[in-house]
Each structure stands twice: as structure tokens, then as C-alpha cells.
Amino acid sequence: MNQETADVNAAIAAELHLLDPTVRASRSLAAQLLDPEFVEVGASGRRWTYEEILAALPGLDGGDAGGDGPRFEPSGMTGVVLAPGIVHLTYESGIDGRRARRSSLWRKKSGEAGPGEAGAVWRMYYHQATPVPGP
């Protein structure tokens, strides 16, 4: 496996982890995956900052850690390395009968690994969701 493939796979794994309801319900777990300079433009058109999304994430769609609520169902996730340490992911997601096209930028930050982690970590720098119109 070459480095570009490894980087794309790492970003995909991190994106899928961020969609997990347990992670979404935990500020500390979500904070490990979001860059401090994070910005999102949600499917509603709202712009979210790092602090705003961390505060709101447990109450947003897919944040039910108990497992009873709806979960994000991603499909067609692909990625491309834009530059060393920068990966762009695109995919579609469905939740509770709604679909969105999603785009995320992930960047690898050196020297930020926590205890027991080696090297650098991947953090989401930017995310955008665009609603898919109904049939």
C-alpha cells in the first residue's frame, strides 16, 4: 500500500468514526477528530465553528449513543490526496429518510498524537453537506 492510499484510508476511517453515535454524543471523542480551526456548512445552510459543533453534536442527527435513534448511512465514500497531509472525501449519507451529498477535508497534524499513539493524527478541517432533493 502506498502512502496516498494509506492516507485516504486513514481519513475514511476517521470520517466513519465521527459518524458513530457514541462519538457524536461525546465531546471529548469528537474533539479528537475535529481540527481546532474546523468549519462546517451544514445541510441546513448553517455555518458551524469548532466550539459550536462540539456543543451541539450530541443533540444533532445521529448523536443518540443509546442506539435507539437514527444513524447515518454513508455510501460511495471516496477520497483523493490533494497535497501531502490533506485528503478530500466525498460521499452521500442518509438518515431518517433524508439524503445529503457530503464533502470533507482532513489534514494530518504532526506531534498531536495522544498517549499511546504514534506520529500524527488526522483531523477534519472542513465539512459541507448539501441536501439531495426528493424524487
Protein backbone atom coordinates (compact mmCIF):
# COMPACT_ATOMS: atom_id res chain seq x y z
CA MET A 1 0.00 0.00 0.00
CA ASN A 2 1.41 3.38 -0.96
CA GLN A 3 1.29 6.48 1.25
CA GLU A 4 -1.58 8.13 -0.65
CA THR A 5 -3.76 5.04 -0.26
CA ALA A 6 -2.86 4.83 3.43
CA ASP A 7 -3.75 8.50 3.93
CA VAL A 8 -7.12 8.14 2.17
CA ASN A 9 -7.89 5.01 4.20
CA ALA A 10 -7.00 6.83 7.44
CA ALA A 11 -9.27 9.75 6.57
CA ILE A 12 -12.13 7.41 5.65
CA ALA A 13 -11.73 5.53 8.95
CA ALA A 14 -11.78 8.84 10.86
CA GLU A 15 -14.88 10.04 8.96
CA LEU A 16 -16.72 6.80 9.73
CA HIS A 17 -15.67 7.08 13.37
CA LEU A 18 -17.10 10.63 13.50
CA LEU A 19 -20.44 9.31 12.20
CA ASP A 20 -20.65 6.81 15.09
CA PRO A 21 -23.39 7.83 17.57
CA THR A 22 -21.12 7.14 20.55
CA VAL A 23 -18.50 9.55 19.21
CA ARG A 24 -21.10 12.18 18.28
CA ALA A 25 -22.54 12.02 21.80
CA SER A 26 -19.12 12.57 23.43
CA ARG A 27 -17.50 16.00 23.29
CA SER A 28 -14.09 14.55 24.15
CA LEU A 29 -14.23 11.84 21.47
CA ALA A 30 -15.48 14.22 18.79
CA ALA A 31 -12.84 16.81 19.74
CA GLN A 32 -10.12 14.26 18.95
CA LEU A 33 -11.35 14.14 15.34
CA LEU A 34 -12.02 17.83 14.68
CA ASP A 35 -9.34 20.37 13.89
CA PRO A 36 -9.39 23.41 16.20
CA GLU A 37 -9.88 25.52 13.03
CA PHE A 38 -12.83 23.35 11.93
CA VAL A 39 -15.73 24.91 9.99
CA GLU A 40 -18.86 23.22 8.67
CA VAL A 41 -21.61 24.37 6.37
CA GLY A 42 -24.45 22.02 7.26
CA ALA A 43 -27.26 20.74 5.07
CA SER A 44 -29.44 23.45 6.66
CA GLY A 45 -27.06 26.13 5.37
CA ARG A 46 -25.90 26.97 8.89
CA ARG A 47 -22.20 27.67 9.41
CA TRP A 48 -20.70 25.90 12.43
CA THR A 49 -17.39 26.57 14.18
CA TYR A 50 -15.37 24.08 16.19
CA GLU A 51 -16.85 25.12 19.55
CA GLU A 52 -20.40 25.41 18.20
CA ILE A 53 -20.39 21.93 16.66
CA LEU A 54 -18.84 20.30 19.73
CA ALA A 55 -21.55 21.83 21.91
CA ALA A 56 -24.39 20.87 19.54
CA LEU A 57 -23.23 17.49 18.19
CA PRO A 58 -24.82 15.26 20.86
CA GLY A 59 -28.25 16.72 20.07
CA LEU A 60 -27.92 16.64 16.29
CA ASP A 61 -28.95 13.80 13.99
CA GLY A 62 -27.01 10.60 14.61
CA GLY A 63 -25.98 11.57 18.14
CA ASP A 64 -28.04 9.01 20.08
CA ALA A 65 -25.39 6.98 21.92
CA GLY A 66 -28.11 4.68 23.28
CA GLY A 67 -28.56 3.26 19.81
CA ASP A 68 -32.32 3.85 19.58
CA GLY A 69 -32.17 6.87 17.27
CA PRO A 70 -31.46 7.08 13.55
CA ARG A 71 -27.90 6.50 12.35
CA PHE A 72 -26.06 7.96 9.39
CA GLU A 73 -25.79 5.51 6.49
CA PRO A 74 -22.84 6.58 4.30
CA SER A 75 -22.44 5.31 0.73
CA GLY A 76 -19.99 5.76 -2.10
CA MET A 77 -17.23 7.22 0.05
CA THR A 78 -14.12 8.04 -1.95
CA GLY A 79 -11.07 10.14 -1.30
CA VAL A 80 -8.18 11.82 -3.01
CA VAL A 81 -4.95 13.27 -1.66
CA LEU A 82 -4.85 16.97 -2.57
CA ALA A 83 -1.38 17.57 -1.09
CA PRO A 84 0.79 15.77 1.46
CA GLY A 85 -1.29 15.54 4.64
CA ILE A 86 -4.54 16.80 3.01
CA VAL A 87 -7.32 14.39 1.96
CA HIS A 88 -10.64 15.31 0.36
CA LEU A 89 -13.50 12.85 0.93
CA THR A 90 -16.86 12.81 -0.84
CA TYR A 91 -19.88 10.58 -0.25
CA GLU A 92 -23.63 10.50 0.23
CA SER A 93 -25.36 9.91 3.52
CA GLY A 94 -28.85 9.01 4.53
CA ILE A 95 -30.54 9.45 7.88
CA ASP A 96 -34.20 9.31 8.80
CA GLY A 97 -35.32 9.40 5.14
CA ARG A 98 -33.14 12.39 4.18
CA ARG A 99 -30.08 12.24 1.90
CA ALA A 100 -27.14 14.62 1.57
CA ARG A 101 -24.01 14.84 -0.53
CA ARG A 102 -21.03 15.41 1.72
CA SER A 103 -17.53 16.76 1.29
CA SER A 104 -14.82 16.75 3.96
CA LEU A 105 -11.26 17.97 4.13
CA TRP A 106 -8.98 16.11 6.52
CA ARG A 107 -5.49 17.20 7.46
CA LYS A 108 -2.76 15.33 9.22
CA LYS A 109 -1.22 17.20 12.11
CA SER A 110 2.20 16.15 13.38
CA GLY A 111 3.01 15.96 17.05
CA GLU A 112 -0.62 15.89 18.25
CA ALA A 113 -0.95 12.19 19.00
CA GLY A 114 -2.25 11.41 22.45
CA PRO A 115 -0.81 8.98 24.99
CA GLY A 116 -0.12 5.61 23.41
CA GLU A 117 -0.48 6.98 19.86
CA ALA A 118 2.45 7.26 17.50
CA GLY A 119 3.10 10.01 14.99
CA ALA A 120 0.46 12.34 13.63
CA VAL A 121 -3.33 12.38 13.79
CA TRP A 122 -5.98 13.12 11.18
CA ARG A 123 -8.48 15.85 11.99
CA MET A 124 -11.44 17.13 10.00
CA TYR A 125 -10.71 20.68 8.89
CA TYR A 126 -13.83 21.41 6.81
CA HIS A 127 -17.16 19.72 6.11
CA GLN A 128 -20.09 20.59 3.87
CA ALA A 129 -23.41 18.83 3.39
CA THR A 130 -25.78 19.58 0.54
CA PRO A 131 -29.33 18.15 0.68
CA VAL A 132 -30.34 15.79 -2.11
CA PRO A 133 -33.83 16.69 -3.33
CA GLY A 134 -36.52 14.04 -3.06
CA PRO A 135 -37.65 12.01 -6.07
